[in-house]
Amino acid sequence: MNPTYLLARDHLQRAAVILQGSDQRSRQIRHIIERTIGLMDDRTAEEPATPANVYDMAAYRRAARGGNSF
């Protein structure tokens, strides 16, 4: 995982812990932070296994033989 991503996630988790107040505004902000962390985790799960600048040579050969774009 990207170190910047991990640092940002850590800061958000710390902020959520700090906002343990029982008032409505603290609960709302804590909920937003916790949801943001969840969305970040969802996004990480969707990332491709290979970097975008790496070619799949088998797919390239198939496309070259069939004339299809990849």
PDB file of N, CA and C in Angstrom:
ATOM      1  N   MET A   1       0.829  -1.181   0.000  1.00  0.00           N
ATOM      2  CA  MET A   1       0.000   0.000   0.000  1.00  0.00           C
ATOM      3  C   MET A   1       0.880   1.253   0.000  1.00  0.00           C
ATOM      4  N   ASN A   2       0.349   2.283  -0.569  1.00  0.00           N
ATOM      5  CA  ASN A   2       1.042   3.563  -0.656  1.00  0.00           C
ATOM      6  C   ASN A   2       1.274   4.110   0.762  1.00  0.00           C
ATOM      7  N   PRO A   3       2.514   4.535   1.099  1.00  0.00           N
ATOM      8  CA  PRO A   3       2.783   5.068   2.443  1.00  0.00           C
ATOM      9  C   PRO A   3       1.942   6.306   2.767  1.00  0.00           C
ATOM     10  N   THR A   4       1.671   7.130   1.760  1.00  0.00           N
ATOM     11  CA  THR A   4       0.847   8.316   1.983  1.00  0.00           C
ATOM     12  C   THR A   4      -0.571   7.911   2.367  1.00  0.00           C
ATOM     13  N   TYR A   5      -1.088   6.888   1.696  1.00  0.00           N
ATOM     14  CA  TYR A   5      -2.417   6.372   2.016  1.00  0.00           C
ATOM     15  C   TYR A   5      -2.451   5.877   3.461  1.00  0.00           C
ATOM     16  N   LEU A   6      -1.442   5.114   3.850  1.00  0.00           N
ATOM     17  CA  LEU A   6      -1.407   4.571   5.211  1.00  0.00           C
ATOM     18  C   LEU A   6      -1.335   5.690   6.249  1.00  0.00           C
ATOM     19  N   LEU A   7      -0.557   6.719   5.962  1.00  0.00           N
ATOM     20  CA  LEU A   7      -0.447   7.848   6.881  1.00  0.00           C
ATOM     21  C   LEU A   7      -1.776   8.587   6.992  1.00  0.00           C
ATOM     22  N   ALA A   8      -2.434   8.826   5.865  1.00  0.00           N
ATOM     23  CA  ALA A   8      -3.727   9.515   5.878  1.00  0.00           C
ATOM     24  C   ALA A   8      -4.755   8.702   6.656  1.00  0.00           C
ATOM     25  N   ARG A   9      -4.773   7.399   6.444  1.00  0.00           N
ATOM     26  CA  ARG A   9      -5.713   6.525   7.157  1.00  0.00           C
ATOM     27  C   ARG A   9      -5.432   6.555   8.658  1.00  0.00           C
ATOM     28  N   ASP A  10      -4.166   6.546   9.030  1.00  0.00           N
ATOM     29  CA  ASP A  10      -3.789   6.606  10.442  1.00  0.00           C
ATOM     30  C   ASP A  10      -4.257   7.912  11.073  1.00  0.00           C
ATOM     31  N   HIS A  11      -4.086   9.022  10.359  1.00  0.00           N
ATOM     32  CA  HIS A  11      -4.535  10.322  10.888  1.00  0.00           C
ATOM     33  C   HIS A  11      -6.050  10.341  11.071  1.00  0.00           C
ATOM     34  N   LEU A  12      -6.773   9.785  10.124  1.00  0.00           N
ATOM     35  CA  LEU A  12      -8.232   9.742  10.251  1.00  0.00           C
ATOM     36  C   LEU A  12      -8.661   8.883  11.433  1.00  0.00           C
ATOM     37  N   GLN A  13      -7.985   7.770  11.640  1.00  0.00           N
ATOM     38  CA  GLN A  13      -8.315   6.918  12.788  1.00  0.00           C
ATOM     39  C   GLN A  13      -8.041   7.642  14.102  1.00  0.00           C
ATOM     40  N   ARG A  14      -6.944   8.369  14.162  1.00  0.00           N
ATOM     41  CA  ARG A  14      -6.636   9.141  15.372  1.00  0.00           C
ATOM     42  C   ARG A  14      -7.692  10.220  15.609  1.00  0.00           C
ATOM     43  N   ALA A  15      -8.111  10.884  14.546  1.00  0.00           N
ATOM     44  CA  ALA A  15      -9.136  11.925  14.678  1.00  0.00           C
ATOM     45  C   ALA A  15     -10.441  11.328  15.185  1.00  0.00           C
ATOM     46  N   ALA A  16     -10.801  10.142  14.704  1.00  0.00           N
ATOM     47  CA  ALA A  16     -12.029   9.490  15.157  1.00  0.00           C
ATOM     48  C   ALA A  16     -11.950   9.166  16.644  1.00  0.00           C
ATOM     49  N   VAL A  17     -10.782   8.767  17.123  1.00  0.00           N
ATOM     50  CA  VAL A  17     -10.612   8.466  18.548  1.00  0.00           C
ATOM     51  C   VAL A  17     -10.727   9.740  19.380  1.00  0.00           C
ATOM     52  N   ILE A  18     -10.161  10.832  18.881  1.00  0.00           N
ATOM     53  CA  ILE A  18     -10.214  12.105  19.598  1.00  0.00           C
ATOM     54  C   ILE A  18     -11.657  12.578  19.733  1.00  0.00           C
ATOM     55  N   LEU A  19     -12.477  12.335  18.712  1.00  0.00           N
ATOM     56  CA  LEU A  19     -13.862  12.803  18.710  1.00  0.00           C
ATOM     57  C   LEU A  19     -14.788  11.809  19.421  1.00  0.00           C
ATOM     58  N   GLN A  20     -14.505  11.506  20.644  1.00  0.00           N
ATOM     59  CA  GLN A  20     -15.333  10.573  21.394  1.00  0.00           C
ATOM     60  C   GLN A  20     -16.406  11.286  22.213  1.00  0.00           C
ATOM     61  N   GLY A  21     -16.575  12.584  21.979  1.00  0.00           N
ATOM     62  CA  GLY A  21     -17.582  13.341  22.711  1.00  0.00           C
ATOM     63  C   GLY A  21     -18.993  12.837  22.422  1.00  0.00           C
ATOM     64  N   SER A  22     -19.898  13.122  23.327  1.00  0.00           N
ATOM     65  CA  SER A  22     -21.270  12.634  23.180  1.00  0.00           C
ATOM     66  C   SER A  22     -22.192  13.655  22.515  1.00  0.00           C
ATOM     67  N   ASP A  23     -21.678  14.848  22.212  1.00  0.00           N
ATOM     68  CA  ASP A  23     -22.544  15.844  21.592  1.00  0.00           C
ATOM     69  C   ASP A  23     -22.805  15.473  20.126  1.00  0.00           C
ATOM     70  N   GLN A  24     -23.857  16.007  19.583  1.00  0.00           N
ATOM     71  CA  GLN A  24     -24.312  15.669  18.229  1.00  0.00           C
ATOM     72  C   GLN A  24     -23.260  15.967  17.171  1.00  0.00           C
ATOM     73  N   ARG A  25     -22.625  17.105  17.265  1.00  0.00           N
ATOM     74  CA  ARG A  25     -21.636  17.499  16.255  1.00  0.00           C
ATOM     75  C   ARG A  25     -20.431  16.551  16.252  1.00  0.00           C
ATOM     76  N   SER A  26     -19.937  16.177  17.412  1.00  0.00           N
ATOM     77  CA  SER A  26     -18.814  15.232  17.497  1.00  0.00           C
ATOM     78  C   SER A  26     -19.193  13.882  16.904  1.00  0.00           C
ATOM     79  N   ARG A  27     -20.391  13.419  17.189  1.00  0.00           N
ATOM     80  CA  ARG A  27     -20.838  12.131  16.635  1.00  0.00           C
ATOM     81  C   ARG A  27     -20.942  12.187  15.115  1.00  0.00           C
ATOM     82  N   GLN A  28     -21.437  13.287  14.587  1.00  0.00           N
ATOM     83  CA  GLN A  28     -21.559  13.427  13.140  1.00  0.00           C
ATOM     84  C   GLN A  28     -20.187  13.439  12.465  1.00  0.00           C
ATOM     85  N   ILE A  29     -19.264  14.201  13.027  1.00  0.00           N
ATOM     86  CA  ILE A  29     -17.920  14.266  12.454  1.00  0.00           C
ATOM     87  C   ILE A  29     -17.236  12.905  12.566  1.00  0.00           C
ATOM     88  N   ARG A  30     -17.384  12.239  13.709  1.00  0.00           N
ATOM     89  CA  ARG A  30     -16.787  10.915  13.878  1.00  0.00           C
ATOM     90  C   ARG A  30     -17.362   9.934  12.856  1.00  0.00           C
ATOM     91  N   HIS A  31     -18.655  10.018  12.618  1.00  0.00           N
ATOM     92  CA  HIS A  31     -19.294   9.137  11.637  1.00  0.00           C
ATOM     93  C   HIS A  31     -18.736   9.402  10.227  1.00  0.00           C
ATOM     94  N   ILE A  32     -18.565  10.663   9.877  1.00  0.00           N
ATOM     95  CA  ILE A  32     -18.003  11.014   8.570  1.00  0.00           C
ATOM     96  C   ILE A  32     -16.585  10.460   8.438  1.00  0.00           C
ATOM     97  N   ILE A  33     -15.784  10.611   9.466  1.00  0.00           N
ATOM     98  CA  ILE A  33     -14.406  10.114   9.433  1.00  0.00           C
ATOM     99  C   ILE A  33     -14.393   8.593   9.301  1.00  0.00           C
ATOM    100  N   GLU A  34     -15.220   7.907  10.074  1.00  0.00           N
ATOM    101  CA  GLU A  34     -15.255   6.447  10.017  1.00  0.00           C
ATOM    102  C   GLU A  34     -15.739   5.958   8.651  1.00  0.00           C
ATOM    103  N   ARG A  35     -16.689   6.662   8.068  1.00  0.00           N
ATOM    104  CA  ARG A  35     -17.173   6.293   6.732  1.00  0.00           C
ATOM    105  C   ARG A  35     -16.096   6.538   5.677  1.00  0.00           C
ATOM    106  N   THR A  36     -15.349   7.623   5.825  1.00  0.00           N
ATOM    107  CA  THR A  36     -14.254   7.910   4.898  1.00  0.00           C
ATOM    108  C   THR A  36     -13.198   6.810   4.960  1.00  0.00           C
ATOM    109  N   ILE A  37     -12.865   6.352   6.156  1.00  0.00           N
ATOM    110  CA  ILE A  37     -11.913   5.247   6.310  1.00  0.00           C
ATOM    111  C   ILE A  37     -12.451   4.004   5.607  1.00  0.00           C
ATOM    112  N   GLY A  38     -13.731   3.725   5.773  1.00  0.00           N
ATOM    113  CA  GLY A  38     -14.342   2.577   5.107  1.00  0.00           C
ATOM    114  C   GLY A  38     -14.284   2.692   3.597  1.00  0.00           C
ATOM    115  N   LEU A  39     -14.532   3.889   3.074  1.00  0.00           N
ATOM    116  CA  LEU A  39     -14.449   4.097   1.625  1.00  0.00           C
ATOM    117  C   LEU A  39     -13.022   3.933   1.121  1.00  0.00           C
ATOM    118  N   MET A  40     -12.059   4.373   1.903  1.00  0.00           N
ATOM    119  CA  MET A  40     -10.659   4.196   1.528  1.00  0.00           C
ATOM    120  C   MET A  40     -10.318   2.712   1.463  1.00  0.00           C
ATOM    121  N   ASP A  41     -10.810   1.940   2.419  1.00  0.00           N
ATOM    122  CA  ASP A  41     -10.563   0.499   2.424  1.00  0.00           C
ATOM    123  C   ASP A  41     -11.224  -0.168   1.230  1.00  0.00           C
ATOM    124  N   ASP A  42     -12.436   0.270   0.877  1.00  0.00           N
ATOM    125  CA  ASP A  42     -13.122  -0.294  -0.288  1.00  0.00           C
ATOM    126  C   ASP A  42     -12.333  -0.008  -1.556  1.00  0.00           C
ATOM    127  N   ARG A  43     -11.817   1.188  -1.679  1.00  0.00           N
ATOM    128  CA  ARG A  43     -11.056   1.585  -2.867  1.00  0.00           C
ATOM    129  C   ARG A  43      -9.783   0.755  -2.986  1.00  0.00           C
ATOM    130  N   THR A  44      -9.142   0.483  -1.871  1.00  0.00           N
ATOM    131  CA  THR A  44      -7.923  -0.311  -1.879  1.00  0.00           C
ATOM    132  C   THR A  44      -8.207  -1.719  -2.375  1.00  0.00           C
ATOM    133  N   ALA A  45      -9.347  -2.275  -2.034  1.00  0.00           N
ATOM    134  CA  ALA A  45      -9.694  -3.631  -2.441  1.00  0.00           C
ATOM    135  C   ALA A  45      -9.927  -3.705  -3.950  1.00  0.00           C
ATOM    136  N   GLU A  46     -10.294  -2.606  -4.594  1.00  0.00           N
ATOM    137  CA  GLU A  46     -10.586  -2.590  -6.019  1.00  0.00           C
ATOM    138  C   GLU A  46      -9.361  -2.349  -6.897  1.00  0.00           C
ATOM    139  N   GLU A  47      -8.222  -2.020  -6.308  1.00  0.00           N
ATOM    140  CA  GLU A  47      -7.043  -1.704  -7.102  1.00  0.00           C
ATOM    141  C   GLU A  47      -6.588  -2.935  -7.881  1.00  0.00           C
ATOM    142  N   PRO A  48      -6.112  -2.726  -9.108  1.00  0.00           N
ATOM    143  CA  PRO A  48      -5.640  -3.869  -9.908  1.00  0.00           C
ATOM    144  C   PRO A  48      -4.406  -4.501  -9.280  1.00  0.00           C
ATOM    145  N   ALA A  49      -4.212  -5.783  -9.560  1.00  0.00           N
ATOM    146  CA  ALA A  49      -3.084  -6.511  -8.995  1.00  0.00           C
ATOM    147  C   ALA A  49      -1.755  -6.068  -9.604  1.00  0.00           C
ATOM    148  N   THR A  50      -1.771  -5.614 -10.861  1.00  0.00           N
ATOM    149  CA  THR A  50      -0.550  -5.151 -11.508  1.00  0.00           C
ATOM    150  C   THR A  50      -0.623  -3.646 -11.709  1.00  0.00           C
ATOM    151  N   PRO A  51       0.519  -2.987 -11.655  1.00  0.00           N
ATOM    152  CA  PRO A  51       0.518  -1.538 -11.902  1.00  0.00           C
ATOM    153  C   PRO A  51       0.027  -1.227 -13.309  1.00  0.00           C
ATOM    154  N   ALA A  52      -0.494  -0.036 -13.490  1.00  0.00           N
ATOM    155  CA  ALA A  52      -1.074   0.369 -14.768  1.00  0.00           C
ATOM    156  C   ALA A  52      -0.033   0.453 -15.880  1.00  0.00           C
ATOM    157  N   ASN A  53       1.225   0.588 -15.551  1.00  0.00           N
ATOM    158  CA  ASN A  53       2.246   0.726 -16.588  1.00  0.00           C
ATOM    159  C   ASN A  53       2.886  -0.617 -16.968  1.00  0.00           C
ATOM    160  N   VAL A  54       2.281  -1.739 -16.538  1.00  0.00           N
ATOM    161  CA  VAL A  54       2.788  -3.062 -16.867  1.00  0.00           C
ATOM    162  C   VAL A  54       1.857  -3.695 -17.888  1.00  0.00           C
ATOM    163  N   TYR A  55       2.433  -4.165 -18.992  1.00  0.00           N
ATOM    164  CA  TYR A  55       1.636  -4.790 -20.044  1.00  0.00           C
ATOM    165  C   TYR A  55       1.438  -6.273 -19.768  1.00  0.00           C
ATOM    166  N   ASP A  56       0.282  -6.765 -20.095  1.00  0.00           N
ATOM    167  CA  ASP A  56      -0.003  -8.193 -20.084  1.00  0.00           C
ATOM    168  C   ASP A  56       0.336  -8.692 -21.479  1.00  0.00           C
ATOM    169  N   MET A  57       1.493  -9.330 -21.616  1.00  0.00           N
ATOM    170  CA  MET A  57       1.972  -9.726 -22.943  1.00  0.00           C
ATOM    171  C   MET A  57       1.036 -10.725 -23.614  1.00  0.00           C
ATOM    172  N   ALA A  58       0.430 -11.611 -22.846  1.00  0.00           N
ATOM    173  CA  ALA A  58      -0.495 -12.583 -23.440  1.00  0.00           C
ATOM    174  C   ALA A  58      -1.694 -11.855 -24.047  1.00  0.00           C
ATOM    175  N   ALA A  59      -2.214 -10.859 -23.352  1.00  0.00           N
ATOM    176  CA  ALA A  59      -3.346 -10.088 -23.870  1.00  0.00           C
ATOM    177  C   ALA A  59      -2.926  -9.304 -25.118  1.00  0.00           C
ATOM    178  N   TYR A  60      -1.701  -8.786 -25.103  1.00  0.00           N
ATOM    179  CA  TYR A  60      -1.194  -8.056 -26.265  1.00  0.00           C
ATOM    180  C   TYR A  60      -1.099  -8.972 -27.488  1.00  0.00           C
ATOM    181  N   ARG A  61      -0.565 -10.172 -27.279  1.00  0.00           N
ATOM    182  CA  ARG A  61      -0.431 -11.108 -28.403  1.00  0.00           C
ATOM    183  C   ARG A  61      -1.791 -11.514 -28.939  1.00  0.00           C
ATOM    184  N   ARG A  62      -2.744 -11.775 -28.043  1.00  0.00           N
ATOM    185  CA  ARG A  62      -4.095 -12.117 -28.485  1.00  0.00           C
ATOM    186  C   ARG A  62      -4.696 -10.985 -29.304  1.00  0.00           C
ATOM    187  N   ALA A  63      -4.524  -9.776 -28.840  1.00  0.00           N
ATOM    188  CA  ALA A  63      -5.076  -8.619 -29.549  1.00  0.00           C
ATOM    189  C   ALA A  63      -4.396  -8.426 -30.893  1.00  0.00           C
ATOM    190  N   ALA A  64      -3.083  -8.645 -30.944  1.00  0.00           N
ATOM    191  CA  ALA A  64      -2.341  -8.481 -32.181  1.00  0.00           C
ATOM    192  C   ALA A  64      -2.757  -9.531 -33.216  1.00  0.00           C
ATOM    193  N   ARG A  65      -2.998 -10.755 -32.772  1.00  0.00           N
ATOM    194  CA  ARG A  65      -3.413 -11.812 -33.692  1.00  0.00           C
ATOM    195  C   ARG A  65      -4.820 -11.585 -34.200  1.00  0.00           C
ATOM    196  N   GLY A  66      -5.703 -11.160 -33.303  1.00  0.00           N
ATOM    197  CA  GLY A  66      -7.111 -11.000 -33.684  1.00  0.00           C
ATOM    198  C   GLY A  66      -7.448  -9.632 -34.221  1.00  0.00           C
ATOM    199  N   GLY A  67      -6.513  -8.704 -34.125  1.00  0.00           N
ATOM    200  CA  GLY A  67      -6.789  -7.362 -34.603  1.00  0.00           C
ATOM    201  C   GLY A  67      -7.659  -6.550 -33.643  1.00  0.00           C
ATOM    202  N   ASN A  68      -7.877  -7.065 -32.452  1.00  0.00           N
ATOM    203  CA  ASN A  68      -8.699  -6.360 -31.452  1.00  0.00           C
ATOM    204  C   ASN A  68      -7.812  -5.436 -30.628  1.00  0.00           C
ATOM    205  N   SER A  69      -8.401  -4.386 -30.163  1.00  0.00           N
ATOM    206  CA  SER A  69      -7.669  -3.524 -29.245  1.00  0.00           C
ATOM    207  C   SER A  69      -7.794  -4.097 -27.841  1.00  0.00           C
ATOM    208  N   PHE A  70      -6.857  -3.813 -26.980  1.00  0.00           N
ATOM    209  CA  PHE A  70      -6.891  -4.338 -25.619  1.00  0.00           C
ATOM    210  C   PHE A  70      -7.036  -3.294 -24.616  1.00  0.00           C
TER     211      PHE A  70
END
